[in-house]
Every structure is written in C-alpha cells, then in structure tokens.
PDB file of N, CA and C in Angstrom:
ATOM      1  N   MET A   1     115.280 175.864  41.117  1.00  0.00           N
ATOM      2  CA  MET A   1     115.509 175.206  42.596  1.00  0.00           C
ATOM      3  C   MET A   1     114.160 175.661  43.407  1.00  0.00           C
ATOM      4  N   ALA A   2     113.506 174.648  43.914  1.00  0.00           N
ATOM      5  CA  ALA A   2     112.314 175.206  44.802  1.00  0.00           C
ATOM      6  C   ALA A   2     112.895 175.380  46.283  1.00  0.00           C
ATOM      7  N   VAL A   3     112.432 176.339  46.955  1.00  0.00           N
ATOM      8  CA  VAL A   3     112.670 176.630  48.488  1.00  0.00           C
ATOM      9  C   VAL A   3     111.298 176.296  49.204  1.00  0.00           C
ATOM     10  N   LEU A   4     111.411 175.312  50.353  1.00  0.00           N
ATOM     11  CA  LEU A   4     110.203 174.759  50.738  1.00  0.00           C
ATOM     12  C   LEU A   4     110.309 175.294  52.210  1.00  0.00           C
ATOM     13  N   LYS A   5     109.109 175.722  52.752  1.00  0.00           N
ATOM     14  CA  LYS A   5     108.999 176.046  54.306  1.00  0.00           C
ATOM     15  C   LYS A   5     108.039 175.186  55.006  1.00  0.00           C
ATOM     16  N   VAL A   6     108.247 174.975  56.271  1.00  0.00           N
ATOM     17  CA  VAL A   6     107.281 174.139  56.995  1.00  0.00           C
ATOM     18  C   VAL A   6     107.037 174.916  58.172  1.00  0.00           C
ATOM     19  N   ILE A   7     105.604 174.735  58.373  1.00  0.00           N
ATOM     20  CA  ILE A   7     104.937 175.479  59.368  1.00  0.00           C
ATOM     21  C   ILE A   7     104.128 174.596  60.345  1.00  0.00           C
ATOM     22  N   GLU A   8     103.806 174.800  61.490  1.00  0.00           N
ATOM     23  CA  GLU A   8     102.989 173.916  62.241  1.00  0.00           C
ATOM     24  C   GLU A   8     101.699 174.549  62.508  1.00  0.00           C
ATOM     25  N   VAL A   9     100.569 173.662  62.448  1.00  0.00           N
ATOM     26  CA  VAL A   9      99.416 173.954  62.378  1.00  0.00           C
ATOM     27  C   VAL A   9      98.545 173.160  63.498  1.00  0.00           C
ATOM     28  N   LEU A  10      97.621 173.608  64.223  1.00  0.00           N
ATOM     29  CA  LEU A  10      96.733 172.811  65.046  1.00  0.00           C
ATOM     30  C   LEU A  10      95.386 173.130  64.588  1.00  0.00           C
ATOM     31  N   SER A  11      94.607 171.871  64.740  1.00  0.00           N
ATOM     32  CA  SER A  11      93.282 172.059  64.193  1.00  0.00           C
ATOM     33  C   SER A  11      92.484 171.019  65.086  1.00  0.00           C
ATOM     34  N   SER A  12      91.061 171.290  65.026  1.00  0.00           N
ATOM     35  CA  SER A  12      90.221 170.352  65.779  1.00  0.00           C
ATOM     36  C   SER A  12      88.766 170.083  64.882  1.00  0.00           C
ATOM     37  N   SER A  13      88.229 169.095  65.321  1.00  0.00           N
ATOM     38  CA  SER A  13      86.913 168.762  64.666  1.00  0.00           C
ATOM     39  C   SER A  13      86.042 167.969  65.721  1.00  0.00           C
ATOM     40  N   GLU A  14      84.627 167.958  65.560  1.00  0.00           N
ATOM     41  CA  GLU A  14      83.752 167.111  66.470  1.00  0.00           C
ATOM     42  C   GLU A  14      83.620 165.813  65.571  1.00  0.00           C
ATOM     43  N   LYS A  15      83.960 165.727  64.342  1.00  0.00           N
ATOM     44  CA  LYS A  15      83.694 164.560  63.562  1.00  0.00           C
ATOM     45  C   LYS A  15      84.926 163.595  63.365  1.00  0.00           C
ATOM     46  N   SER A  16      86.282 163.795  63.024  1.00  0.00           N
ATOM     47  CA  SER A  16      87.159 163.010  62.997  1.00  0.00           C
ATOM     48  C   SER A  16      88.577 163.677  62.965  1.00  0.00           C
ATOM     49  N   TRP A  17      89.632 162.709  62.912  1.00  0.00           N
ATOM     50  CA  TRP A  17      90.887 163.360  62.756  1.00  0.00           C
ATOM     51  C   TRP A  17      91.096 163.784  61.260  1.00  0.00           C
ATOM     52  N   GLU A  18      90.425 163.207  60.562  1.00  0.00           N
ATOM     53  CA  GLU A  18      90.691 163.302  59.012  1.00  0.00           C
ATOM     54  C   GLU A  18      89.910 164.803  58.667  1.00  0.00           C
ATOM     55  N   ASP A  19      88.587 164.850  59.352  1.00  0.00           N
ATOM     56  CA  ASP A  19      88.098 166.051  59.095  1.00  0.00           C
ATOM     57  C   ASP A  19      88.846 167.278  59.713  1.00  0.00           C
ATOM     58  N   ALA A  20      89.552 167.048  60.765  1.00  0.00           N
ATOM     59  CA  ALA A  20      90.461 168.133  61.360  1.00  0.00           C
ATOM     60  C   ALA A  20      91.507 168.443  60.395  1.00  0.00           C
ATOM     61  N   THR A  21      92.164 167.335  59.704  1.00  0.00           N
ATOM     62  CA  THR A  21      93.194 167.666  58.721  1.00  0.00           C
ATOM     63  C   THR A  21      92.536 168.510  57.657  1.00  0.00           C
ATOM     64  N   ARG A  22      91.695 168.118  57.268  1.00  0.00           N
ATOM     65  CA  ARG A  22      90.859 168.748  55.954  1.00  0.00           C
ATOM     66  C   ARG A  22      90.632 170.377  56.415  1.00  0.00           C
ATOM     67  N   LYS A  23      90.065 170.461  57.458  1.00  0.00           N
ATOM     68  CA  LYS A  23      89.861 171.915  57.908  1.00  0.00           C
ATOM     69  C   LYS A  23      91.141 172.770  57.937  1.00  0.00           C
ATOM     70  N   ALA A  24      92.362 172.108  58.609  1.00  0.00           N
ATOM     71  CA  ALA A  24      93.384 172.759  58.658  1.00  0.00           C
ATOM     72  C   ALA A  24      93.916 173.131  57.463  1.00  0.00           C
ATOM     73  N   VAL A  25      94.118 172.098  56.379  1.00  0.00           N
ATOM     74  CA  VAL A  25      94.387 172.618  54.892  1.00  0.00           C
ATOM     75  C   VAL A  25      93.561 173.611  54.154  1.00  0.00           C
ATOM     76  N   ALA A  26      92.316 173.462  54.417  1.00  0.00           N
ATOM     77  CA  ALA A  26      91.434 174.572  53.827  1.00  0.00           C
ATOM     78  C   ALA A  26      91.780 175.878  54.409  1.00  0.00           C
ATOM     79  N   LYS A  27      92.044 176.090  55.593  1.00  0.00           N
ATOM     80  CA  LYS A  27      92.040 177.315  56.323  1.00  0.00           C
ATOM     81  C   LYS A  27      93.655 177.853  55.890  1.00  0.00           C
ATOM     82  N   ALA A  28      94.511 176.909  56.052  1.00  0.00           N
ATOM     83  CA  ALA A  28      95.996 177.334  55.564  1.00  0.00           C
ATOM     84  C   ALA A  28      96.111 177.745  54.243  1.00  0.00           C
ATOM     85  N   SER A  29      95.113 177.214  53.376  1.00  0.00           N
ATOM     86  CA  SER A  29      95.263 177.543  51.887  1.00  0.00           C
ATOM     87  C   SER A  29      94.765 178.990  51.596  1.00  0.00           C
ATOM     88  N   GLN A  30      93.918 179.648  52.543  1.00  0.00           N
ATOM     89  CA  GLN A  30      93.586 180.870  52.304  1.00  0.00           C
ATOM     90  C   GLN A  30      94.721 182.047  52.312  1.00  0.00           C
ATOM     91  N   SER A  31      95.777 181.293  53.021  1.00  0.00           N
ATOM     92  CA  SER A  31      96.883 182.623  53.383  1.00  0.00           C
ATOM     93  C   SER A  31      98.061 182.034  52.669  1.00  0.00           C
ATOM     94  N   LEU A  32      98.347 180.601  52.319  1.00  0.00           N
ATOM     95  CA  LEU A  32      99.350 180.214  51.833  1.00  0.00           C
ATOM     96  C   LEU A  32      99.086 179.570  50.282  1.00  0.00           C
ATOM     97  N   LYS A  33     100.243 179.690  49.523  1.00  0.00           N
ATOM     98  CA  LYS A  33     100.192 179.262  48.197  1.00  0.00           C
ATOM     99  C   LYS A  33     101.060 178.170  48.082  1.00  0.00           C
ATOM    100  N   ASN A  34     100.810 177.214  47.062  1.00  0.00           N
ATOM    101  CA  ASN A  34     101.471 176.017  46.810  1.00  0.00           C
ATOM    102  C   ASN A  34     101.864 175.038  47.939  1.00  0.00           C
ATOM    103  N   ILE A  35     100.866 174.795  48.725  1.00  0.00           N
ATOM    104  CA  ILE A  35     100.993 173.689  49.700  1.00  0.00           C
ATOM    105  C   ILE A  35     101.243 172.310  49.058  1.00  0.00           C
ATOM    106  N   ARG A  36     102.447 171.730  49.502  1.00  0.00           N
ATOM    107  CA  ARG A  36     102.757 170.754  48.716  1.00  0.00           C
ATOM    108  C   ARG A  36     102.544 169.182  49.501  1.00  0.00           C
ATOM    109  N   SER A  37     102.512 169.376  50.966  1.00  0.00           N
ATOM    110  CA  SER A  37     102.119 168.161  51.725  1.00  0.00           C
ATOM    111  C   SER A  37     101.840 168.648  53.289  1.00  0.00           C
ATOM    112  N   VAL A  38     101.001 167.488  53.754  1.00  0.00           N
ATOM    113  CA  VAL A  38     101.087 167.726  55.335  1.00  0.00           C
ATOM    114  C   VAL A  38     101.350 166.461  56.040  1.00  0.00           C
ATOM    115  N   TYR A  39     101.968 166.611  57.326  1.00  0.00           N
ATOM    116  CA  TYR A  39     102.468 165.494  57.983  1.00  0.00           C
ATOM    117  C   TYR A  39     101.677 165.466  59.319  1.00  0.00           C
ATOM    118  N   VAL A  40     100.861 164.568  59.535  1.00  0.00           N
ATOM    119  CA  VAL A  40     100.131 164.702  60.938  1.00  0.00           C
ATOM    120  C   VAL A  40     101.032 164.110  61.900  1.00  0.00           C
ATOM    121  N   GLN A  41     101.434 165.041  62.625  1.00  0.00           N
ATOM    122  CA  GLN A  41     102.858 164.740  63.626  1.00  0.00           C
ATOM    123  C   GLN A  41     102.058 164.393  64.841  1.00  0.00           C
ATOM    124  N   ASP A  42     100.830 164.651  65.270  1.00  0.00           N
ATOM    125  CA  ASP A  42     100.276 164.328  66.620  1.00  0.00           C
ATOM    126  C   ASP A  42      98.737 164.263  66.520  1.00  0.00           C
ATOM    127  N   GLN A  43      98.103 163.354  67.044  1.00  0.00           N
ATOM    128  CA  GLN A  43      96.516 163.321  67.265  1.00  0.00           C
ATOM    129  C   GLN A  43      96.232 162.842  68.751  1.00  0.00           C
ATOM    130  N   SER A  44      95.076 163.669  69.215  1.00  0.00           N
ATOM    131  CA  SER A  44      94.624 163.424  70.452  1.00  0.00           C
ATOM    132  C   SER A  44      93.089 163.777  70.254  1.00  0.00           C
ATOM    133  N   ALA A  45      92.476 163.654  71.411  1.00  0.00           N
ATOM    134  CA  ALA A  45      91.077 163.563  71.545  1.00  0.00           C
ATOM    135  C   ALA A  45      90.581 164.079  72.923  1.00  0.00           C
ATOM    136  N   SER A  46      89.516 164.789  72.797  1.00  0.00           N
ATOM    137  CA  SER A  46      89.068 165.579  74.117  1.00  0.00           C
ATOM    138  C   SER A  46      87.954 164.637  74.584  1.00  0.00           C
ATOM    139  N   VAL A  47      88.000 164.307  75.815  1.00  0.00           N
ATOM    140  CA  VAL A  47      86.851 163.477  76.458  1.00  0.00           C
ATOM    141  C   VAL A  47      85.996 164.307  77.334  1.00  0.00           C
ATOM    142  N   LYS A  48      84.665 164.091  77.226  1.00  0.00           N
ATOM    143  CA  LYS A  48      83.698 164.805  78.261  1.00  0.00           C
ATOM    144  C   LYS A  48      82.759 163.616  78.625  1.00  0.00           C
ATOM    145  N   ASN A  49      82.285 163.373  79.891  1.00  0.00           N
ATOM    146  CA  ASN A  49      81.471 162.408  80.331  1.00  0.00           C
ATOM    147  C   ASN A  49      81.586 160.991  79.587  1.00  0.00           C
ATOM    148  N   ASN A  50      82.740 160.633  79.630  1.00  0.00           N
ATOM    149  CA  ASN A  50      82.952 159.250  78.934  1.00  0.00           C
ATOM    150  C   ASN A  50      82.988 159.206  77.440  1.00  0.00           C
ATOM    151  N   GLU A  51      82.626 160.224  76.929  1.00  0.00           N
ATOM    152  CA  GLU A  51      82.629 160.384  75.370  1.00  0.00           C
ATOM    153  C   GLU A  51      83.582 161.333  74.613  1.00  0.00           C
ATOM    154  N   VAL A  52      84.167 160.845  73.461  1.00  0.00           N
ATOM    155  CA  VAL A  52      84.986 161.744  72.845  1.00  0.00           C
ATOM    156  C   VAL A  52      84.253 162.920  71.970  1.00  0.00           C
ATOM    157  N   THR A  53      84.544 164.031  72.505  1.00  0.00           N
ATOM    158  CA  THR A  53      83.766 165.124  72.053  1.00  0.00           C
ATOM    159  C   THR A  53      84.624 166.036  70.974  1.00  0.00           C
ATOM    160  N   GLU A  54      85.741 165.819  70.942  1.00  0.00           N
ATOM    161  CA  GLU A  54      86.757 166.643  69.841  1.00  0.00           C
ATOM    162  C   GLU A  54      87.826 165.853  69.579  1.00  0.00           C
ATOM    163  N   PHE A  55      88.036 165.906  68.105  1.00  0.00           N
ATOM    164  CA  PHE A  55      89.527 165.238  67.732  1.00  0.00           C
ATOM    165  C   PHE A  55      90.340 166.267  67.282  1.00  0.00           C
ATOM    166  N   ARG A  56      91.811 166.234  67.603  1.00  0.00           N
ATOM    167  CA  ARG A  56      92.410 167.243  67.430  1.00  0.00           C
ATOM    168  C   ARG A  56      93.801 166.751  66.686  1.00  0.00           C
ATOM    169  N   VAL A  57      94.289 167.487  65.890  1.00  0.00           N
ATOM    170  CA  VAL A  57      95.685 167.040  65.081  1.00  0.00           C
ATOM    171  C   VAL A  57      96.549 168.328  65.200  1.00  0.00           C
ATOM    172  N   ASN A  58      97.853 167.893  65.247  1.00  0.00           N
ATOM    173  CA  ASN A  58      99.132 168.913  65.049  1.00  0.00           C
ATOM    174  C   ASN A  58      99.668 168.564  63.798  1.00  0.00           C
ATOM    175  N   LEU A  59      99.649 169.624  62.882  1.00  0.00           N
ATOM    176  CA  LEU A  59     100.162 169.110  61.459  1.00  0.00           C
ATOM    177  C   LEU A  59     101.451 169.798  61.082  1.00  0.00           C
ATOM    178  N   LYS A  60     102.427 169.274  60.265  1.00  0.00           N
ATOM    179  CA  LYS A  60     103.293 170.219  59.607  1.00  0.00           C
ATOM    180  C   LYS A  60     102.973 170.311  58.356  1.00  0.00           C
ATOM    181  N   VAL A  61     102.783 171.600  57.843  1.00  0.00           N
ATOM    182  CA  VAL A  61     102.327 171.908  56.324  1.00  0.00           C
ATOM    183  C   VAL A  61     103.613 172.291  55.497  1.00  0.00           C
ATOM    184  N   THR A  62     103.797 171.633  54.568  1.00  0.00           N
ATOM    185  CA  THR A  62     104.993 172.240  53.706  1.00  0.00           C
ATOM    186  C   THR A  62     104.479 172.853  52.467  1.00  0.00           C
ATOM    187  N   PHE A  63     104.943 174.049  52.357  1.00  0.00           N
ATOM    188  CA  PHE A  63     104.484 174.753  50.969  1.00  0.00           C
ATOM    189  C   PHE A  63     105.909 175.341  50.496  1.00  0.00           C
ATOM    190  N   GLU A  64     105.760 175.787  49.025  1.00  0.00           N
ATOM    191  CA  GLU A  64     106.888 176.301  48.319  1.00  0.00           C
ATOM    192  C   GLU A  64     106.811 177.830  48.271  1.00  0.00           C
ATOM    193  N   ILE A  65     108.041 178.514  48.756  1.00  0.00           N
ATOM    194  CA  ILE A  65     108.171 179.790  48.622  1.00  0.00           C
ATOM    195  C   ILE A  65     108.436 180.316  47.187  1.00  0.00           C
ATOM    196  N   GLU A  66     107.691 181.314  46.761  1.00  0.00           N
ATOM    197  CA  GLU A  66     107.814 181.760  45.311  1.00  0.00           C
ATOM    198  C   GLU A  66     108.919 182.873  45.472  1.00  0.00           C
TER     199      GLU A  66
END
C-alpha cells in the first residue's frame, strides 16, 4: 500500500505558466522522490507598465513516501 503526501509549492516565470510549473517540478524533485503528479491550484500574473512581467503558479505536488 502506497502512502502519498501533498505539499504546496509556489513558482514563477517570465515566460509562461507552463514554464513556471516545469521549474517548480524540477526544483521540488531535487529534494523529493517519487513525485506522482502536480495540480495547478491557482494562476496569476504580475503586470508592470501595462505588460505582463511574470507568470505565477500555486501547485499541489503529490509524492509517495517511502
């Protein structure tokens, strides 16, 4: 029987929400093993001088506990 844990992670990117998600998974995988899935809970963007300057995501990362 597998036991899973969920943590919340925030990430940002100047490119896209997808890039912010990939960065979060890459960084989380440096300290977490067996990541099973991510759920994008929330998306937002920072605006400066009428232009989007940063894409932000709030993720729930699910991983298996050994």
